[in-house]
Amino acid sequence: MTEKELIQKNIEEFSRLQKYMILTDEKTSAAYLEMKDRYIELKIILTSFGISLTELDKVKE
C-alpha cells in the first residue's frame, strides 16, 4: 500500500467514524467511547501525515 493510499484509507475511515459518532445518542455508551478512542487515534495518524483536520473534523472533541 502506498503512502497516498494509506492516507486516503485513513481519511475515509475518519469521515465514516465521525458520521457514526454524530448519529449516536448515548455519548457515554461503551460503543461511543470505543469510537472516540479510534477517532483520537485517527486524528493523530492524519496529523502525523501533515493533513489539516480543519475541514475534515466535524466532531471536534
N, C-alpha and C. Protein backbone atom coordinates (compact mmCIF):
# COMPACT_ATOMS: atom_id res chain seq x y z
N MET A 1 0.86 -1.17 0.00
CA MET A 1 0.00 0.00 0.00
C MET A 1 0.91 1.24 0.00
N THR A 2 0.62 2.13 -0.92
CA THR A 2 1.42 3.35 -0.99
C THR A 2 1.00 4.33 0.11
N GLU A 3 1.83 5.32 0.34
CA GLU A 3 1.50 6.32 1.36
C GLU A 3 0.21 7.06 1.00
N LYS A 4 0.04 7.35 -0.26
CA LYS A 4 -1.18 8.05 -0.71
C LYS A 4 -2.42 7.21 -0.43
N GLU A 5 -2.35 5.91 -0.71
CA GLU A 5 -3.47 5.01 -0.44
C GLU A 5 -3.76 4.91 1.05
N LEU A 6 -2.70 4.87 1.85
CA LEU A 6 -2.85 4.80 3.30
C LEU A 6 -3.53 6.07 3.85
N ILE A 7 -3.11 7.21 3.34
CA ILE A 7 -3.73 8.47 3.76
C ILE A 7 -5.21 8.48 3.37
N GLN A 8 -5.51 8.09 2.14
CA GLN A 8 -6.89 8.06 1.67
C GLN A 8 -7.73 7.13 2.54
N LYS A 9 -7.22 5.95 2.85
CA LYS A 9 -7.93 4.98 3.68
C LYS A 9 -8.24 5.56 5.06
N ASN A 10 -7.27 6.23 5.65
CA ASN A 10 -7.47 6.82 6.97
C ASN A 10 -8.44 7.99 6.95
N ILE A 11 -8.41 8.79 5.91
CA ILE A 11 -9.37 9.89 5.77
C ILE A 11 -10.78 9.34 5.64
N GLU A 12 -10.95 8.31 4.83
CA GLU A 12 -12.28 7.71 4.65
C GLU A 12 -12.78 7.11 5.96
N GLU A 13 -11.90 6.42 6.71
CA GLU A 13 -12.30 5.85 7.99
C GLU A 13 -12.65 6.96 8.99
N PHE A 14 -11.87 8.03 8.99
CA PHE A 14 -12.13 9.16 9.89
C PHE A 14 -13.50 9.77 9.61
N SER A 15 -13.81 9.98 8.35
CA SER A 15 -15.10 10.56 7.97
C SER A 15 -16.25 9.64 8.35
N ARG A 16 -16.11 8.34 8.07
CA ARG A 16 -17.15 7.36 8.38
C ARG A 16 -17.37 7.29 9.89
N LEU A 17 -16.29 7.23 10.65
CA LEU A 17 -16.39 7.15 12.10
C LEU A 17 -17.09 8.37 12.68
N GLN A 18 -16.80 9.55 12.15
CA GLN A 18 -17.46 10.76 12.63
C GLN A 18 -18.97 10.71 12.40
N LYS A 19 -19.38 10.17 11.27
CA LYS A 19 -20.82 10.04 10.99
C LYS A 19 -21.48 9.18 12.06
N TYR A 20 -20.84 8.06 12.39
CA TYR A 20 -21.39 7.17 13.42
C TYR A 20 -21.44 7.88 14.77
N MET A 21 -20.39 8.62 15.10
CA MET A 21 -20.35 9.32 16.38
C MET A 21 -21.46 10.37 16.48
N ILE A 22 -21.69 11.08 15.39
CA ILE A 22 -22.72 12.11 15.37
C ILE A 22 -24.11 11.49 15.50
N LEU A 23 -24.30 10.33 14.90
CA LEU A 23 -25.60 9.65 14.95
C LEU A 23 -25.90 8.99 16.29
N THR A 24 -24.88 8.76 17.09
CA THR A 24 -25.05 8.08 18.36
C THR A 24 -25.66 9.02 19.39
N ASP A 25 -26.77 8.60 19.99
CA ASP A 25 -27.44 9.42 21.00
C ASP A 25 -26.75 9.35 22.36
N GLU A 26 -26.29 8.18 22.71
CA GLU A 26 -25.73 7.96 24.04
C GLU A 26 -24.21 8.16 24.02
N LYS A 27 -23.75 9.33 24.45
CA LYS A 27 -22.34 9.69 24.39
C LYS A 27 -21.50 9.03 25.49
N THR A 28 -22.15 8.31 26.40
CA THR A 28 -21.40 7.64 27.46
C THR A 28 -21.44 6.12 27.30
N SER A 29 -22.00 5.65 26.19
CA SER A 29 -22.08 4.20 25.97
C SER A 29 -20.68 3.65 25.66
N ALA A 30 -20.53 2.35 25.89
CA ALA A 30 -19.26 1.69 25.62
C ALA A 30 -18.90 1.81 24.14
N ALA A 31 -19.88 1.69 23.26
CA ALA A 31 -19.63 1.77 21.83
C ALA A 31 -19.12 3.17 21.44
N TYR A 32 -19.75 4.20 22.00
CA TYR A 32 -19.33 5.56 21.68
C TYR A 32 -17.91 5.82 22.19
N LEU A 33 -17.62 5.35 23.38
CA LEU A 33 -16.29 5.56 23.96
C LEU A 33 -15.22 4.84 23.13
N GLU A 34 -15.54 3.68 22.57
CA GLU A 34 -14.61 2.98 21.68
C GLU A 34 -14.42 3.78 20.39
N MET A 35 -15.53 4.32 19.85
CA MET A 35 -15.42 5.14 18.65
C MET A 35 -14.56 6.37 18.93
N LYS A 36 -14.72 6.96 20.10
CA LYS A 36 -13.95 8.15 20.45
C LYS A 36 -12.45 7.83 20.53
N ASP A 37 -12.10 6.66 21.08
CA ASP A 37 -10.70 6.26 21.12
C ASP A 37 -10.13 6.14 19.70
N ARG A 38 -10.88 5.51 18.80
CA ARG A 38 -10.41 5.38 17.42
C ARG A 38 -10.34 6.73 16.74
N TYR A 39 -11.28 7.61 17.03
CA TYR A 39 -11.30 8.98 16.50
C TYR A 39 -10.00 9.70 16.87
N ILE A 40 -9.60 9.57 18.12
CA ILE A 40 -8.36 10.21 18.58
C ILE A 40 -7.15 9.61 17.86
N GLU A 41 -7.14 8.28 17.73
CA GLU A 41 -6.04 7.62 17.03
C GLU A 41 -5.94 8.12 15.58
N LEU A 42 -7.06 8.20 14.91
CA LEU A 42 -7.06 8.65 13.52
C LEU A 42 -6.63 10.11 13.40
N LYS A 43 -7.01 10.94 14.36
CA LYS A 43 -6.56 12.33 14.34
C LYS A 43 -5.04 12.40 14.44
N ILE A 44 -4.46 11.58 15.29
CA ILE A 44 -3.01 11.55 15.45
C ILE A 44 -2.34 11.07 14.16
N ILE A 45 -2.87 9.99 13.59
CA ILE A 45 -2.31 9.45 12.34
C ILE A 45 -2.36 10.49 11.23
N LEU A 46 -3.52 11.10 11.04
CA LEU A 46 -3.66 12.07 9.95
C LEU A 46 -2.80 13.31 10.18
N THR A 47 -2.71 13.76 11.41
CA THR A 47 -1.86 14.91 11.72
C THR A 47 -0.40 14.58 11.45
N SER A 48 0.02 13.36 11.77
CA SER A 48 1.41 12.96 11.53
C SER A 48 1.74 12.94 10.04
N PHE A 49 0.73 12.74 9.19
CA PHE A 49 0.92 12.79 7.75
C PHE A 49 0.87 14.23 7.23
N GLY A 50 0.62 15.17 8.12
CA GLY A 50 0.56 16.58 7.71
C GLY A 50 -0.80 16.99 7.18
N ILE A 51 -1.84 16.20 7.44
CA ILE A 51 -3.20 16.51 6.97
C ILE A 51 -3.83 17.50 7.93
N SER A 52 -4.35 18.59 7.39
CA SER A 52 -5.07 19.57 8.20
C SER A 52 -6.49 19.04 8.45
N LEU A 53 -6.87 18.99 9.71
CA LEU A 53 -8.19 18.47 10.06
C LEU A 53 -9.25 19.56 10.15
N THR A 54 -8.89 20.78 9.85
CA THR A 54 -9.81 21.90 9.95
C THR A 54 -11.12 21.65 9.22
N GLU A 55 -11.04 21.18 8.00
CA GLU A 55 -12.24 20.94 7.19
C GLU A 55 -12.84 19.57 7.45
N LEU A 56 -12.02 18.61 7.83
CA LEU A 56 -12.48 17.22 7.98
C LEU A 56 -13.16 16.95 9.32
N ASP A 57 -12.74 17.64 10.37
CA ASP A 57 -13.19 17.31 11.71
C ASP A 57 -14.56 17.94 12.00
N LYS A 58 -15.58 17.08 12.04
CA LYS A 58 -16.94 17.55 12.32
C LYS A 58 -17.31 17.38 13.79
N VAL A 59 -16.64 16.46 14.48
CA VAL A 59 -16.96 16.16 15.88
C VAL A 59 -16.26 17.15 16.80
N LYS A 60 -14.99 17.45 16.53
CA LYS A 60 -14.18 18.42 17.28
C LYS A 60 -14.15 18.15 18.78
N GLU A 61 -13.84 16.93 19.14
CA GLU A 61 -13.71 16.58 20.58
C GLU A 61 -12.26 16.56 20.95
